[in-house]
Amino acid sequence: QVKEIRRKGYCVTYGERINGALCISAPVKNYLCPASLSIVGPENRFKARVKEVVEELKASARSISLDISDVLS
């Protein structure tokens, strides 16, 4: 699964930790420790908007990653 997540740049899970919940995560790069940005909510409200939320989350994680790399350089 890790290879696929690295390739896609995000992960979506359904009910993995909380029954009926959906979680979307994207990695934050260039940080000292492994980090990710995640959104968790009720599956019945998020499921129809997964693609839209994934794109927003990836853009936000990318922005944070760039800000971190700017600070470090």
PDB file of N, CA and C in Angstrom:
ATOM      1  N   GLN A   1       0.807  -1.196   0.000  1.00  0.00           N
ATOM      2  CA  GLN A   1       0.000   0.000   0.000  1.00  0.00           C
ATOM      3  C   GLN A   1       0.850   1.259   0.000  1.00  0.00           C
ATOM      4  N   VAL A   2       1.995   1.227   0.657  1.00  0.00           N
ATOM      5  CA  VAL A   2       2.838   2.412   0.765  1.00  0.00           C
ATOM      6  C   VAL A   2       3.311   2.869  -0.611  1.00  0.00           C
ATOM      7  N   LYS A   3       3.676   1.927  -1.482  1.00  0.00           N
ATOM      8  CA  LYS A   3       4.116   2.289  -2.833  1.00  0.00           C
ATOM      9  C   LYS A   3       3.008   3.010  -3.594  1.00  0.00           C
ATOM     10  N   GLU A   4       1.788   2.507  -3.475  1.00  0.00           N
ATOM     11  CA  GLU A   4       0.650   3.130  -4.158  1.00  0.00           C
ATOM     12  C   GLU A   4       0.375   4.524  -3.592  1.00  0.00           C
ATOM     13  N   ILE A   5       0.457   4.663  -2.280  1.00  0.00           N
ATOM     14  CA  ILE A   5       0.225   5.964  -1.648  1.00  0.00           C
ATOM     15  C   ILE A   5       1.281   6.966  -2.102  1.00  0.00           C
ATOM     16  N   ARG A   6       2.535   6.528  -2.167  1.00  0.00           N
ATOM     17  CA  ARG A   6       3.605   7.416  -2.649  1.00  0.00           C
ATOM     18  C   ARG A   6       3.361   7.831  -4.092  1.00  0.00           C
ATOM     19  N   ARG A   7       2.914   6.901  -4.908  1.00  0.00           N
ATOM     20  CA  ARG A   7       2.657   7.197  -6.322  1.00  0.00           C
ATOM     21  C   ARG A   7       1.505   8.185  -6.475  1.00  0.00           C
ATOM     22  N   LYS A   8       0.403   7.947  -5.763  1.00  0.00           N
ATOM     23  CA  LYS A   8      -0.783   8.801  -5.875  1.00  0.00           C
ATOM     24  C   LYS A   8      -0.641  10.112  -5.099  1.00  0.00           C
ATOM     25  N   GLY A   9       0.101  10.083  -3.997  1.00  0.00           N
ATOM     26  CA  GLY A   9       0.267  11.288  -3.186  1.00  0.00           C
ATOM     27  C   GLY A   9      -0.817  11.493  -2.142  1.00  0.00           C
ATOM     28  N   TYR A  10      -1.624  10.458  -1.907  1.00  0.00           N
ATOM     29  CA  TYR A  10      -2.665  10.541  -0.880  1.00  0.00           C
ATOM     30  C   TYR A  10      -3.154   9.141  -0.537  1.00  0.00           C
ATOM     31  N   CYS A  11      -3.959   9.068   0.528  1.00  0.00           N
ATOM     32  CA  CYS A  11      -4.557   7.799   0.945  1.00  0.00           C
ATOM     33  C   CYS A  11      -5.985   8.060   1.412  1.00  0.00           C
ATOM     34  N   VAL A  12      -6.899   7.191   1.056  1.00  0.00           N
ATOM     35  CA  VAL A  12      -8.287   7.270   1.527  1.00  0.00           C
ATOM     36  C   VAL A  12      -8.605   5.973   2.243  1.00  0.00           C
ATOM     37  N   THR A  13      -9.116   6.087   3.470  1.00  0.00           N
ATOM     38  CA  THR A  13      -9.536   4.897   4.217  1.00  0.00           C
ATOM     39  C   THR A  13     -10.990   5.050   4.636  1.00  0.00           C
ATOM     40  N   TYR A  14     -11.672   3.926   4.696  1.00  0.00           N
ATOM     41  CA  TYR A  14     -13.084   3.887   5.075  1.00  0.00           C
ATOM     42  C   TYR A  14     -13.244   3.027   6.319  1.00  0.00           C
ATOM     43  N   GLY A  15     -13.629   3.622   7.422  1.00  0.00           N
ATOM     44  CA  GLY A  15     -13.917   2.886   8.641  1.00  0.00           C
ATOM     45  C   GLY A  15     -12.737   2.160   9.251  1.00  0.00           C
ATOM     46  N   GLU A  16     -11.529   2.595   8.961  1.00  0.00           N
ATOM     47  CA  GLU A  16     -10.353   1.885   9.475  1.00  0.00           C
ATOM     48  C   GLU A  16     -10.201   2.033  10.985  1.00  0.00           C
ATOM     49  N   ARG A  17     -10.350   3.223  11.487  1.00  0.00           N
ATOM     50  CA  ARG A  17     -10.229   3.465  12.940  1.00  0.00           C
ATOM     51  C   ARG A  17     -11.577   3.704  13.602  1.00  0.00           C
ATOM     52  N   ILE A  18     -12.467   4.379  12.871  1.00  0.00           N
ATOM     53  CA  ILE A  18     -13.788   4.717  13.411  1.00  0.00           C
ATOM     54  C   ILE A  18     -14.838   4.192  12.432  1.00  0.00           C
ATOM     55  N   ASN A  19     -15.714   3.350  12.901  1.00  0.00           N
ATOM     56  CA  ASN A  19     -16.761   2.795  12.062  1.00  0.00           C
ATOM     57  C   ASN A  19     -17.610   3.922  11.466  1.00  0.00           C
ATOM     58  N   GLY A  20     -17.778   3.917  10.136  1.00  0.00           N
ATOM     59  CA  GLY A  20     -18.589   4.919   9.460  1.00  0.00           C
ATOM     60  C   GLY A  20     -17.841   6.196   9.114  1.00  0.00           C
ATOM     61  N   ALA A  21     -16.539   6.238   9.406  1.00  0.00           N
ATOM     62  CA  ALA A  21     -15.746   7.434   9.112  1.00  0.00           C
ATOM     63  C   ALA A  21     -14.896   7.230   7.868  1.00  0.00           C
ATOM     64  N   LEU A  22     -14.612   8.320   7.202  1.00  0.00           N
ATOM     65  CA  LEU A  22     -13.743   8.329   6.038  1.00  0.00           C
ATOM     66  C   LEU A  22     -12.577   9.254   6.357  1.00  0.00           C
ATOM     67  N   CYS A  23     -11.364   8.835   6.027  1.00  0.00           N
ATOM     68  CA  CYS A  23     -10.182   9.651   6.280  1.00  0.00           C
ATOM     69  C   CYS A  23      -9.387   9.793   4.994  1.00  0.00           C
ATOM     70  N   ILE A  24      -8.997  11.019   4.697  1.00  0.00           N
ATOM     71  CA  ILE A  24      -8.152  11.303   3.545  1.00  0.00           C
ATOM     72  C   ILE A  24      -6.888  11.957   4.079  1.00  0.00           C
ATOM     73  N   SER A  25      -5.717  11.444   3.677  1.00  0.00           N
ATOM     74  CA  SER A  25      -4.433  11.966   4.157  1.00  0.00           C
ATOM     75  C   SER A  25      -3.494  12.200   2.990  1.00  0.00           C
ATOM     76  N   ALA A  26      -2.656  13.239   3.135  1.00  0.00           N
ATOM     77  CA  ALA A  26      -1.620  13.539   2.146  1.00  0.00           C
ATOM     78  C   ALA A  26      -0.339  13.872   2.906  1.00  0.00           C
ATOM     79  N   PRO A  27       0.811  13.427   2.393  1.00  0.00           N
ATOM     80  CA  PRO A  27       2.058  13.654   3.119  1.00  0.00           C
ATOM     81  C   PRO A  27       2.519  15.110   3.058  1.00  0.00           C
ATOM     82  N   VAL A  28       3.116  15.557   4.163  1.00  0.00           N
ATOM     83  CA  VAL A  28       3.802  16.844   4.207  1.00  0.00           C
ATOM     84  C   VAL A  28       5.282  16.508   4.102  1.00  0.00           C
ATOM     85  N   LYS A  29       5.913  16.983   3.058  1.00  0.00           N
ATOM     86  CA  LYS A  29       7.315  16.646   2.803  1.00  0.00           C
ATOM     87  C   LYS A  29       8.240  17.736   3.338  1.00  0.00           C
ATOM     88  N   ASN A  30       9.518  17.409   3.424  1.00  0.00           N
ATOM     89  CA  ASN A  30      10.576  18.331   3.849  1.00  0.00           C
ATOM     90  C   ASN A  30      10.540  18.655   5.340  1.00  0.00           C
ATOM     91  N   TYR A  31       9.785  17.919   6.131  1.00  0.00           N
ATOM     92  CA  TYR A  31       9.723  18.143   7.561  1.00  0.00           C
ATOM     93  C   TYR A  31      10.697  17.184   8.246  1.00  0.00           C
ATOM     94  N   LEU A  32      11.121  17.527   9.453  1.00  0.00           N
ATOM     95  CA  LEU A  32      12.087  16.704  10.180  1.00  0.00           C
ATOM     96  C   LEU A  32      11.553  15.316  10.511  1.00  0.00           C
ATOM     97  N   CYS A  33      10.276  15.225  10.809  1.00  0.00           N
ATOM     98  CA  CYS A  33       9.630  13.955  11.171  1.00  0.00           C
ATOM     99  C   CYS A  33       8.576  13.617  10.109  1.00  0.00           C
ATOM    100  N   PRO A  34       8.212  12.360   9.991  1.00  0.00           N
ATOM    101  CA  PRO A  34       7.110  12.031   9.077  1.00  0.00           C
ATOM    102  C   PRO A  34       5.843  12.761   9.503  1.00  0.00           C
ATOM    103  N   ALA A  35       5.194  13.416   8.569  1.00  0.00           N
ATOM    104  CA  ALA A  35       3.983  14.187   8.888  1.00  0.00           C
ATOM    105  C   ALA A  35       2.997  14.088   7.731  1.00  0.00           C
ATOM    106  N   SER A  36       1.713  14.239   8.049  1.00  0.00           N
ATOM    107  CA  SER A  36       0.693  14.264   7.011  1.00  0.00           C
ATOM    108  C   SER A  36      -0.429  15.203   7.426  1.00  0.00           C
ATOM    109  N   LEU A  37      -1.172  15.625   6.442  1.00  0.00           N
ATOM    110  CA  LEU A  37      -2.352  16.447   6.640  1.00  0.00           C
ATOM    111  C   LEU A  37      -3.541  15.525   6.402  1.00  0.00           C
ATOM    112  N   SER A  38      -4.492  15.494   7.332  1.00  0.00           N
ATOM    113  CA  SER A  38      -5.616  14.553   7.229  1.00  0.00           C
ATOM    114  C   SER A  38      -6.943  15.242   7.490  1.00  0.00           C
ATOM    115  N   ILE A  39      -7.970  14.699   6.860  1.00  0.00           N
ATOM    116  CA  ILE A  39      -9.346  15.129   7.086  1.00  0.00           C
ATOM    117  C   ILE A  39     -10.149  13.880   7.412  1.00  0.00           C
ATOM    118  N   VAL A  40     -10.911  13.941   8.494  1.00  0.00           N
ATOM    119  CA  VAL A  40     -11.756  12.817   8.904  1.00  0.00           C
ATOM    120  C   VAL A  40     -13.186  13.321   9.038  1.00  0.00           C
ATOM    121  N   GLY A  41     -14.126  12.540   8.528  1.00  0.00           N
ATOM    122  CA  GLY A  41     -15.532  12.918   8.642  1.00  0.00           C
ATOM    123  C   GLY A  41     -16.428  11.736   8.376  1.00  0.00           C
ATOM    124  N   PRO A  42     -17.727  11.939   8.527  1.00  0.00           N
ATOM    125  CA  PRO A  42     -18.680  10.856   8.275  1.00  0.00           C
ATOM    126  C   PRO A  42     -18.649  10.432   6.803  1.00  0.00           C
ATOM    127  N   GLU A  43     -18.522   9.140   6.586  1.00  0.00           N
ATOM    128  CA  GLU A  43     -18.439   8.614   5.223  1.00  0.00           C
ATOM    129  C   GLU A  43     -19.641   9.031   4.384  1.00  0.00           C
ATOM    130  N   ASN A  44     -20.820   9.009   4.954  1.00  0.00           N
ATOM    131  CA  ASN A  44     -22.026   9.325   4.185  1.00  0.00           C
ATOM    132  C   ASN A  44     -22.061  10.781   3.708  1.00  0.00           C
ATOM    133  N   ARG A  45     -21.287  11.672   4.327  1.00  0.00           N
ATOM    134  CA  ARG A  45     -21.246  13.068   3.893  1.00  0.00           C
ATOM    135  C   ARG A  45     -20.058  13.355   2.973  1.00  0.00           C
ATOM    136  N   PHE A  46     -18.958  12.612   3.117  1.00  0.00           N
ATOM    137  CA  PHE A  46     -17.747  12.860   2.357  1.00  0.00           C
ATOM    138  C   PHE A  46     -17.640  12.053   1.069  1.00  0.00           C
ATOM    139  N   LYS A  47     -18.238  10.887   1.038  1.00  0.00           N
ATOM    140  CA  LYS A  47     -18.010   9.939  -0.056  1.00  0.00           C
ATOM    141  C   LYS A  47     -18.250  10.547  -1.436  1.00  0.00           C
ATOM    142  N   ALA A  48     -19.267  11.358  -1.586  1.00  0.00           N
ATOM    143  CA  ALA A  48     -19.587  11.958  -2.885  1.00  0.00           C
ATOM    144  C   ALA A  48     -18.574  13.029  -3.291  1.00  0.00           C
ATOM    145  N   ARG A  49     -17.786  13.543  -2.338  1.00  0.00           N
ATOM    146  CA  ARG A  49     -16.850  14.642  -2.620  1.00  0.00           C
ATOM    147  C   ARG A  49     -15.383  14.239  -2.486  1.00  0.00           C
ATOM    148  N   VAL A  50     -15.097  12.941  -2.477  1.00  0.00           N
ATOM    149  CA  VAL A  50     -13.725  12.474  -2.239  1.00  0.00           C
ATOM    150  C   VAL A  50     -12.743  13.096  -3.220  1.00  0.00           C
ATOM    151  N   LYS A  51     -13.030  13.073  -4.513  1.00  0.00           N
ATOM    152  CA  LYS A  51     -12.096  13.604  -5.512  1.00  0.00           C
ATOM    153  C   LYS A  51     -11.800  15.081  -5.264  1.00  0.00           C
ATOM    154  N   GLU A  52     -12.822  15.851  -4.985  1.00  0.00           N
ATOM    155  CA  GLU A  52     -12.661  17.288  -4.714  1.00  0.00           C
ATOM    156  C   GLU A  52     -11.811  17.516  -3.461  1.00  0.00           C
ATOM    157  N   VAL A  53     -12.106  16.785  -2.402  1.00  0.00           N
ATOM    158  CA  VAL A  53     -11.372  16.932  -1.143  1.00  0.00           C
ATOM    159  C   VAL A  53      -9.934  16.474  -1.305  1.00  0.00           C
ATOM    160  N   VAL A  54      -9.686  15.399  -2.047  1.00  0.00           N
ATOM    161  CA  VAL A  54      -8.325  14.913  -2.284  1.00  0.00           C
ATOM    162  C   VAL A  54      -7.487  16.002  -2.943  1.00  0.00           C
ATOM    163  N   GLU A  55      -8.025  16.648  -3.968  1.00  0.00           N
ATOM    164  CA  GLU A  55      -7.269  17.685  -4.674  1.00  0.00           C
ATOM    165  C   GLU A  55      -6.959  18.872  -3.758  1.00  0.00           C
ATOM    166  N   GLU A  56      -7.920  19.294  -2.963  1.00  0.00           N
ATOM    167  CA  GLU A  56      -7.689  20.394  -2.020  1.00  0.00           C
ATOM    168  C   GLU A  56      -6.655  20.012  -0.966  1.00  0.00           C
ATOM    169  N   LEU A  57      -6.762  18.801  -0.457  1.00  0.00           N
ATOM    170  CA  LEU A  57      -5.836  18.338   0.579  1.00  0.00           C
ATOM    171  C   LEU A  57      -4.413  18.225   0.028  1.00  0.00           C
ATOM    172  N   LYS A  58      -4.266  17.667  -1.174  1.00  0.00           N
ATOM    173  CA  LYS A  58      -2.949  17.560  -1.785  1.00  0.00           C
ATOM    174  C   LYS A  58      -2.343  18.938  -2.028  1.00  0.00           C
ATOM    175  N   ALA A  59      -3.148  19.886  -2.476  1.00  0.00           N
ATOM    176  CA  ALA A  59      -2.656  21.244  -2.713  1.00  0.00           C
ATOM    177  C   ALA A  59      -2.210  21.884  -1.397  1.00  0.00           C
ATOM    178  N   SER A  60      -2.965  21.685  -0.339  1.00  0.00           N
ATOM    179  CA  SER A  60      -2.602  22.255   0.964  1.00  0.00           C
ATOM    180  C   SER A  60      -1.324  21.621   1.506  1.00  0.00           C
ATOM    181  N   ALA A  61      -1.199  20.309   1.390  1.00  0.00           N
ATOM    182  CA  ALA A  61       0.008  19.620   1.855  1.00  0.00           C
ATOM    183  C   ALA A  61       1.222  20.066   1.046  1.00  0.00           C
ATOM    184  N   ARG A  62       1.036  20.250  -0.254  1.00  0.00           N
ATOM    185  CA  ARG A  62       2.118  20.724  -1.123  1.00  0.00           C
ATOM    186  C   ARG A  62       2.545  22.137  -0.722  1.00  0.00           C
ATOM    187  N   SER A  63       1.586  22.992  -0.422  1.00  0.00           N
ATOM    188  CA  SER A  63       1.878  24.361   0.007  1.00  0.00           C
ATOM    189  C   SER A  63       2.664  24.383   1.317  1.00  0.00           C
ATOM    190  N   ILE A  64       2.251  23.554   2.261  1.00  0.00           N
ATOM    191  CA  ILE A  64       2.972  23.461   3.544  1.00  0.00           C
ATOM    192  C   ILE A  64       4.383  22.951   3.305  1.00  0.00           C
ATOM    193  N   SER A  65       4.532  21.938   2.450  1.00  0.00           N
ATOM    194  CA  SER A  65       5.850  21.376   2.147  1.00  0.00           C
ATOM    195  C   SER A  65       6.774  22.431   1.542  1.00  0.00           C
ATOM    196  N   LEU A  66       6.240  23.244   0.641  1.00  0.00           N
ATOM    197  CA  LEU A  66       7.033  24.305   0.031  1.00  0.00           C
ATOM    198  C   LEU A  66       7.433  25.363   1.058  1.00  0.00           C
ATOM    199  N   ASP A  67       6.507  25.723   1.947  1.00  0.00           N
ATOM    200  CA  ASP A  67       6.810  26.691   2.995  1.00  0.00           C
ATOM    201  C   ASP A  67       7.925  26.174   3.907  1.00  0.00           C
ATOM    202  N   ILE A  68       7.883  24.896   4.228  1.00  0.00           N
ATOM    203  CA  ILE A  68       8.918  24.311   5.069  1.00  0.00           C
ATOM    204  C   ILE A  68      10.275  24.357   4.362  1.00  0.00           C
ATOM    205  N   SER A  69      10.282  24.011   3.068  1.00  0.00           N
ATOM    206  CA  SER A  69      11.557  24.005   2.349  1.00  0.00           C
ATOM    207  C   SER A  69      12.114  25.422   2.208  1.00  0.00           C
ATOM    208  N   ASP A  70      11.231  26.433   2.107  1.00  0.00           N
ATOM    209  CA  ASP A  70      11.684  27.827   2.044  1.00  0.00           C
ATOM    210  C   ASP A  70      12.346  28.254   3.354  1.00  0.00           C
ATOM    211  N   VAL A  71      11.786  27.822   4.464  1.00  0.00           N
ATOM    212  CA  VAL A  71      12.327  28.160   5.775  1.00  0.00           C
ATOM    213  C   VAL A  71      13.684  27.494   5.977  1.00  0.00           C
ATOM    214  N   LEU A  72      13.828  26.274   5.494  1.00  0.00           N
ATOM    215  CA  LEU A  72      15.069  25.523   5.683  1.00  0.00           C
ATOM    216  C   LEU A  72      16.192  25.980   4.765  1.00  0.00           C
ATOM    217  N   SER A  73      15.861  26.682   3.682  1.00  0.00           N
ATOM    218  CA  SER A  73      16.931  27.100   2.760  1.00  0.00           C
ATOM    219  C   SER A  73      17.411  28.511   3.006  1.00  0.00           C
TER     220      SER A  73
END
